[in-house]
Amino acid sequence: MPMPSWPISSYMPDPDSFRPLQRALDPVVTDMEGGNTRQRSRPGDNVGTITQTVWMPMAEHDTFVAWVKNTLNNGTARFTADVWLGSSYVNKVCQFIKPGTQLTYTYLGPTEVAVTMTLRVYDV
Protein backbone atom coordinates (compact mmCIF):
# COMPACT_ATOMS: atom_id res chain seq x y z
CA MET A 1 0.00 0.00 0.00
CA PRO A 2 1.52 3.37 -0.97
CA MET A 3 2.21 5.95 1.69
CA PRO A 4 -0.17 8.95 1.61
CA SER A 5 1.29 12.25 0.48
CA TRP A 6 0.68 15.83 1.63
CA PRO A 7 -2.77 16.81 0.30
CA ILE A 8 -2.47 20.59 -0.02
CA SER A 9 -1.26 21.99 -3.33
CA SER A 10 -0.44 25.52 -2.16
CA TYR A 11 2.16 24.54 0.43
CA MET A 12 3.11 27.84 2.09
CA PRO A 13 5.07 27.39 5.34
CA ASP A 14 5.75 30.65 7.12
CA PRO A 15 9.57 31.11 7.03
CA ASP A 16 9.46 32.92 10.38
CA SER A 17 7.83 29.88 12.01
CA PHE A 18 10.67 27.41 11.40
CA ARG A 19 12.44 26.22 14.50
CA PRO A 20 15.91 24.75 14.10
CA LEU A 21 15.95 21.23 12.72
CA GLN A 22 16.95 18.68 15.32
CA ARG A 23 18.85 16.07 13.26
CA ALA A 24 19.06 13.32 15.91
CA LEU A 25 17.18 12.07 18.93
CA ASP A 26 18.58 12.78 22.38
CA PRO A 27 20.83 9.94 23.58
CA VAL A 28 19.80 7.48 26.26
CA VAL A 29 21.49 8.70 29.46
CA THR A 30 22.40 6.55 32.47
CA ASP A 31 23.87 8.04 35.64
CA MET A 32 26.55 5.73 37.03
CA GLU A 33 27.37 5.26 40.74
CA GLY A 34 30.74 6.99 40.49
CA GLY A 35 29.12 10.19 39.24
CA ASN A 36 29.87 9.56 35.58
CA THR A 37 27.16 9.66 32.95
CA ARG A 38 26.95 7.13 30.14
CA GLN A 39 25.32 8.24 26.88
CA ARG A 40 24.25 5.88 24.11
CA SER A 41 22.65 6.54 20.77
CA ARG A 42 19.32 4.89 20.28
CA PRO A 43 17.96 2.95 17.30
CA GLY A 44 16.43 5.23 14.73
CA ASP A 45 18.91 8.01 15.35
CA ASN A 46 18.47 9.22 11.78
CA VAL A 47 15.13 10.76 12.81
CA GLY A 48 14.83 14.52 13.23
CA THR A 49 12.10 16.95 14.18
CA ILE A 50 10.95 20.19 12.63
CA THR A 51 8.30 22.69 13.70
CA GLN A 52 6.57 24.92 11.18
CA THR A 53 3.38 26.84 10.52
CA VAL A 54 1.61 26.33 7.20
CA TRP A 55 -0.86 28.93 5.93
CA MET A 56 -3.76 27.64 3.88
CA PRO A 57 -7.07 28.89 2.47
CA MET A 58 -10.23 27.66 4.23
CA ALA A 59 -11.14 25.21 1.41
CA GLU A 60 -7.72 23.54 1.63
CA HIS A 61 -8.00 23.54 5.43
CA ASP A 62 -11.16 21.44 5.15
CA THR A 63 -9.33 18.99 2.88
CA PHE A 64 -6.36 18.88 5.28
CA VAL A 65 -8.54 18.22 8.35
CA ALA A 66 -10.35 15.36 6.57
CA TRP A 67 -6.97 13.93 5.43
CA VAL A 68 -5.53 14.00 8.97
CA LYS A 69 -8.66 12.48 10.48
CA ASN A 70 -9.51 9.81 7.91
CA THR A 71 -6.39 8.99 5.89
CA LEU A 72 -3.86 9.37 8.72
CA ASN A 73 -6.07 7.85 11.46
CA ASN A 74 -6.27 11.09 13.49
CA GLY A 75 -2.71 12.06 12.55
CA THR A 76 -0.95 8.90 13.72
CA ALA A 77 0.13 7.41 10.37
CA ARG A 78 3.23 8.29 8.35
CA PHE A 79 3.07 10.30 5.13
CA THR A 80 5.37 11.98 2.61
CA ALA A 81 5.82 15.75 2.43
CA ASP A 82 8.30 18.33 1.23
CA VAL A 83 10.19 19.68 4.27
CA TRP A 84 12.77 22.44 4.55
CA LEU A 85 16.18 20.97 5.46
CA GLY A 86 18.20 24.17 5.49
CA SER A 87 18.96 24.76 1.83
CA SER A 88 16.00 23.34 -0.08
CA TYR A 89 12.75 21.43 0.21
CA VAL A 90 13.25 17.65 0.19
CA ASN A 91 10.52 15.02 0.00
CA LYS A 92 10.74 12.93 3.21
CA VAL A 93 8.66 10.47 5.19
CA CYS A 94 7.07 12.34 8.11
CA GLN A 95 4.75 11.80 11.05
CA PHE A 96 3.01 14.29 13.32
CA ILE A 97 4.36 14.43 16.88
CA LYS A 98 1.52 14.51 19.41
CA PRO A 99 -1.19 15.43 16.88
CA GLY A 100 -3.73 15.86 19.68
CA THR A 101 -1.83 18.76 21.28
CA GLN A 102 0.87 19.94 18.86
CA LEU A 103 -1.16 20.09 15.64
CA THR A 104 -2.98 23.39 16.17
CA TYR A 105 -5.21 25.54 13.99
CA THR A 106 -5.34 29.34 14.23
CA TYR A 107 -8.21 30.86 12.29
CA LEU A 108 -6.99 34.20 10.92
CA GLY A 109 -10.30 35.22 9.44
CA PRO A 110 -13.02 33.76 7.28
CA THR A 111 -10.63 32.82 4.46
CA GLU A 112 -7.29 31.76 6.00
CA VAL A 113 -5.96 29.31 8.59
CA ALA A 114 -2.46 28.93 10.07
CA VAL A 115 -1.71 25.30 11.00
CA THR A 116 1.23 24.80 13.38
CA MET A 117 2.79 21.35 13.54
CA THR A 118 5.79 19.46 14.82
CA LEU A 119 6.89 16.72 12.44
CA ARG A 120 9.08 13.69 12.97
CA VAL A 121 11.20 13.51 9.79
CA TYR A 122 12.78 10.17 8.90
CA ASP A 123 16.19 9.70 7.25
CA VAL A 124 17.69 13.16 7.80
C-alpha atoms as a PDB file:
ATOM      1  CA  MET A   1       0.000   0.000   0.000  1.00  0.00           C
ATOM      2  CA  PRO A   2       1.516   3.367  -0.970  1.00  0.00           C
ATOM      3  CA  MET A   3       2.208   5.949   1.690  1.00  0.00           C
ATOM      4  CA  PRO A   4      -0.172   8.950   1.614  1.00  0.00           C
ATOM      5  CA  SER A   5       1.290  12.250   0.481  1.00  0.00           C
ATOM      6  CA  TRP A   6       0.682  15.829   1.628  1.00  0.00           C
ATOM      7  CA  PRO A   7      -2.772  16.811   0.299  1.00  0.00           C
ATOM      8  CA  ILE A   8      -2.466  20.594  -0.017  1.00  0.00           C
ATOM      9  CA  SER A   9      -1.263  21.987  -3.329  1.00  0.00           C
ATOM     10  CA  SER A  10      -0.445  25.520  -2.162  1.00  0.00           C
ATOM     11  CA  TYR A  11       2.157  24.535   0.429  1.00  0.00           C
ATOM     12  CA  MET A  12       3.113  27.842   2.088  1.00  0.00           C
ATOM     13  CA  PRO A  13       5.068  27.394   5.343  1.00  0.00           C
ATOM     14  CA  ASP A  14       5.754  30.653   7.118  1.00  0.00           C
ATOM     15  CA  PRO A  15       9.571  31.107   7.035  1.00  0.00           C
ATOM     16  CA  ASP A  16       9.464  32.921  10.384  1.00  0.00           C
ATOM     17  CA  SER A  17       7.828  29.878  12.010  1.00  0.00           C
ATOM     18  CA  PHE A  18      10.668  27.409  11.399  1.00  0.00           C
ATOM     19  CA  ARG A  19      12.444  26.217  14.504  1.00  0.00           C
ATOM     20  CA  PRO A  20      15.911  24.753  14.103  1.00  0.00           C
ATOM     21  CA  LEU A  21      15.948  21.230  12.725  1.00  0.00           C
ATOM     22  CA  GLN A  22      16.948  18.677  15.318  1.00  0.00           C
ATOM     23  CA  ARG A  23      18.851  16.070  13.258  1.00  0.00           C
ATOM     24  CA  ALA A  24      19.062  13.324  15.911  1.00  0.00           C
ATOM     25  CA  LEU A  25      17.183  12.074  18.930  1.00  0.00           C
ATOM     26  CA  ASP A  26      18.584  12.782  22.376  1.00  0.00           C
ATOM     27  CA  PRO A  27      20.834   9.940  23.583  1.00  0.00           C
ATOM     28  CA  VAL A  28      19.800   7.484  26.262  1.00  0.00           C
ATOM     29  CA  VAL A  29      21.492   8.702  29.462  1.00  0.00           C
ATOM     30  CA  THR A  30      22.398   6.550  32.466  1.00  0.00           C
ATOM     31  CA  ASP A  31      23.872   8.043  35.641  1.00  0.00           C
ATOM     32  CA  MET A  32      26.555   5.729  37.033  1.00  0.00           C
ATOM     33  CA  GLU A  33      27.366   5.261  40.740  1.00  0.00           C
ATOM     34  CA  GLY A  34      30.741   6.994  40.490  1.00  0.00           C
ATOM     35  CA  GLY A  35      29.115  10.191  39.242  1.00  0.00           C
ATOM     36  CA  ASN A  36      29.871   9.562  35.580  1.00  0.00           C
ATOM     37  CA  THR A  37      27.163   9.658  32.948  1.00  0.00           C
ATOM     38  CA  ARG A  38      26.945   7.130  30.138  1.00  0.00           C
ATOM     39  CA  GLN A  39      25.320   8.241  26.880  1.00  0.00           C
ATOM     40  CA  ARG A  40      24.252   5.884  24.105  1.00  0.00           C
ATOM     41  CA  SER A  41      22.648   6.544  20.773  1.00  0.00           C
ATOM     42  CA  ARG A  42      19.318   4.890  20.277  1.00  0.00           C
ATOM     43  CA  PRO A  43      17.962   2.950  17.304  1.00  0.00           C
ATOM     44  CA  GLY A  44      16.429   5.234  14.729  1.00  0.00           C
ATOM     45  CA  ASP A  45      18.913   8.013  15.348  1.00  0.00           C
ATOM     46  CA  ASN A  46      18.467   9.220  11.781  1.00  0.00           C
ATOM     47  CA  VAL A  47      15.135  10.759  12.812  1.00  0.00           C
ATOM     48  CA  GLY A  48      14.830  14.524  13.227  1.00  0.00           C
ATOM     49  CA  THR A  49      12.103  16.950  14.183  1.00  0.00           C
ATOM     50  CA  ILE A  50      10.950  20.191  12.628  1.00  0.00           C
ATOM     51  CA  THR A  51       8.299  22.691  13.700  1.00  0.00           C
ATOM     52  CA  GLN A  52       6.570  24.915  11.178  1.00  0.00           C
ATOM     53  CA  THR A  53       3.380  26.840  10.520  1.00  0.00           C
ATOM     54  CA  VAL A  54       1.610  26.335   7.199  1.00  0.00           C
ATOM     55  CA  TRP A  55      -0.862  28.926   5.931  1.00  0.00           C
ATOM     56  CA  MET A  56      -3.764  27.642   3.875  1.00  0.00           C
ATOM     57  CA  PRO A  57      -7.071  28.888   2.471  1.00  0.00           C
ATOM     58  CA  MET A  58     -10.230  27.661   4.225  1.00  0.00           C
ATOM     59  CA  ALA A  59     -11.143  25.207   1.413  1.00  0.00           C
ATOM     60  CA  GLU A  60      -7.721  23.540   1.628  1.00  0.00           C
ATOM     61  CA  HIS A  61      -8.005  23.537   5.430  1.00  0.00           C
ATOM     62  CA  ASP A  62     -11.158  21.438   5.153  1.00  0.00           C
ATOM     63  CA  THR A  63      -9.327  18.986   2.881  1.00  0.00           C
ATOM     64  CA  PHE A  64      -6.359  18.881   5.281  1.00  0.00           C
ATOM     65  CA  VAL A  65      -8.537  18.219   8.351  1.00  0.00           C
ATOM     66  CA  ALA A  66     -10.346  15.356   6.574  1.00  0.00           C
ATOM     67  CA  TRP A  67      -6.967  13.927   5.429  1.00  0.00           C
ATOM     68  CA  VAL A  68      -5.534  14.004   8.967  1.00  0.00           C
ATOM     69  CA  LYS A  69      -8.657  12.480  10.481  1.00  0.00           C
ATOM     70  CA  ASN A  70      -9.507   9.811   7.914  1.00  0.00           C
ATOM     71  CA  THR A  71      -6.392   8.991   5.889  1.00  0.00           C
ATOM     72  CA  LEU A  72      -3.861   9.366   8.721  1.00  0.00           C
ATOM     73  CA  ASN A  73      -6.066   7.855  11.459  1.00  0.00           C
ATOM     74  CA  ASN A  74      -6.265  11.090  13.487  1.00  0.00           C
ATOM     75  CA  GLY A  75      -2.714  12.060  12.549  1.00  0.00           C
ATOM     76  CA  THR A  76      -0.950   8.899  13.723  1.00  0.00           C
ATOM     77  CA  ALA A  77       0.125   7.407  10.372  1.00  0.00           C
ATOM     78  CA  ARG A  78       3.227   8.292   8.348  1.00  0.00           C
ATOM     79  CA  PHE A  79       3.068  10.303   5.129  1.00  0.00           C
ATOM     80  CA  THR A  80       5.369  11.984   2.615  1.00  0.00           C
ATOM     81  CA  ALA A  81       5.819  15.746   2.429  1.00  0.00           C
ATOM     82  CA  ASP A  82       8.302  18.334   1.235  1.00  0.00           C
ATOM     83  CA  VAL A  83      10.190  19.679   4.271  1.00  0.00           C
ATOM     84  CA  TRP A  84      12.772  22.435   4.546  1.00  0.00           C
ATOM     85  CA  LEU A  85      16.175  20.969   5.462  1.00  0.00           C
ATOM     86  CA  GLY A  86      18.203  24.175   5.492  1.00  0.00           C
ATOM     87  CA  SER A  87      18.961  24.764   1.834  1.00  0.00           C
ATOM     88  CA  SER A  88      15.996  23.345  -0.079  1.00  0.00           C
ATOM     89  CA  TYR A  89      12.745  21.431   0.208  1.00  0.00           C
ATOM     90  CA  VAL A  90      13.245  17.655   0.191  1.00  0.00           C
ATOM     91  CA  ASN A  91      10.521  15.018  -0.004  1.00  0.00           C
ATOM     92  CA  LYS A  92      10.738  12.929   3.207  1.00  0.00           C
ATOM     93  CA  VAL A  93       8.658  10.469   5.193  1.00  0.00           C
ATOM     94  CA  CYS A  94       7.070  12.343   8.114  1.00  0.00           C
ATOM     95  CA  GLN A  95       4.752  11.802  11.047  1.00  0.00           C
ATOM     96  CA  PHE A  96       3.005  14.292  13.318  1.00  0.00           C
ATOM     97  CA  ILE A  97       4.365  14.430  16.878  1.00  0.00           C
ATOM     98  CA  LYS A  98       1.521  14.510  19.410  1.00  0.00           C
ATOM     99  CA  PRO A  99      -1.187  15.427  16.883  1.00  0.00           C
ATOM    100  CA  GLY A 100      -3.726  15.859  19.680  1.00  0.00           C
ATOM    101  CA  THR A 101      -1.830  18.761  21.278  1.00  0.00           C
ATOM    102  CA  GLN A 102       0.870  19.938  18.857  1.00  0.00           C
ATOM    103  CA  LEU A 103      -1.162  20.093  15.643  1.00  0.00           C
ATOM    104  CA  THR A 104      -2.983  23.388  16.173  1.00  0.00           C
ATOM    105  CA  TYR A 105      -5.207  25.540  13.994  1.00  0.00           C
ATOM    106  CA  THR A 106      -5.342  29.341  14.233  1.00  0.00           C
ATOM    107  CA  TYR A 107      -8.206  30.862  12.287  1.00  0.00           C
ATOM    108  CA  LEU A 108      -6.991  34.196  10.921  1.00  0.00           C
ATOM    109  CA  GLY A 109     -10.303  35.223   9.443  1.00  0.00           C
ATOM    110  CA  PRO A 110     -13.024  33.760   7.282  1.00  0.00           C
ATOM    111  CA  THR A 111     -10.630  32.822   4.459  1.00  0.00           C
ATOM    112  CA  GLU A 112      -7.290  31.758   5.996  1.00  0.00           C
ATOM    113  CA  VAL A 113      -5.958  29.306   8.587  1.00  0.00           C
ATOM    114  CA  ALA A 114      -2.464  28.927  10.073  1.00  0.00           C
ATOM    115  CA  VAL A 115      -1.714  25.297  11.000  1.00  0.00           C
ATOM    116  CA  THR A 116       1.232  24.800  13.376  1.00  0.00           C
ATOM    117  CA  MET A 117       2.785  21.351  13.542  1.00  0.00           C
ATOM    118  CA  THR A 118       5.791  19.463  14.818  1.00  0.00           C
ATOM    119  CA  LEU A 119       6.895  16.724  12.437  1.00  0.00           C
ATOM    120  CA  ARG A 120       9.076  13.688  12.972  1.00  0.00           C
ATOM    121  CA  VAL A 121      11.196  13.508   9.793  1.00  0.00           C
ATOM    122  CA  TYR A 122      12.778  10.173   8.896  1.00  0.00           C
ATOM    123  CA  ASP A 123      16.188   9.704   7.247  1.00  0.00           C
ATOM    124  CA  VAL A 124      17.686  13.165   7.800  1.00  0.00           C
END
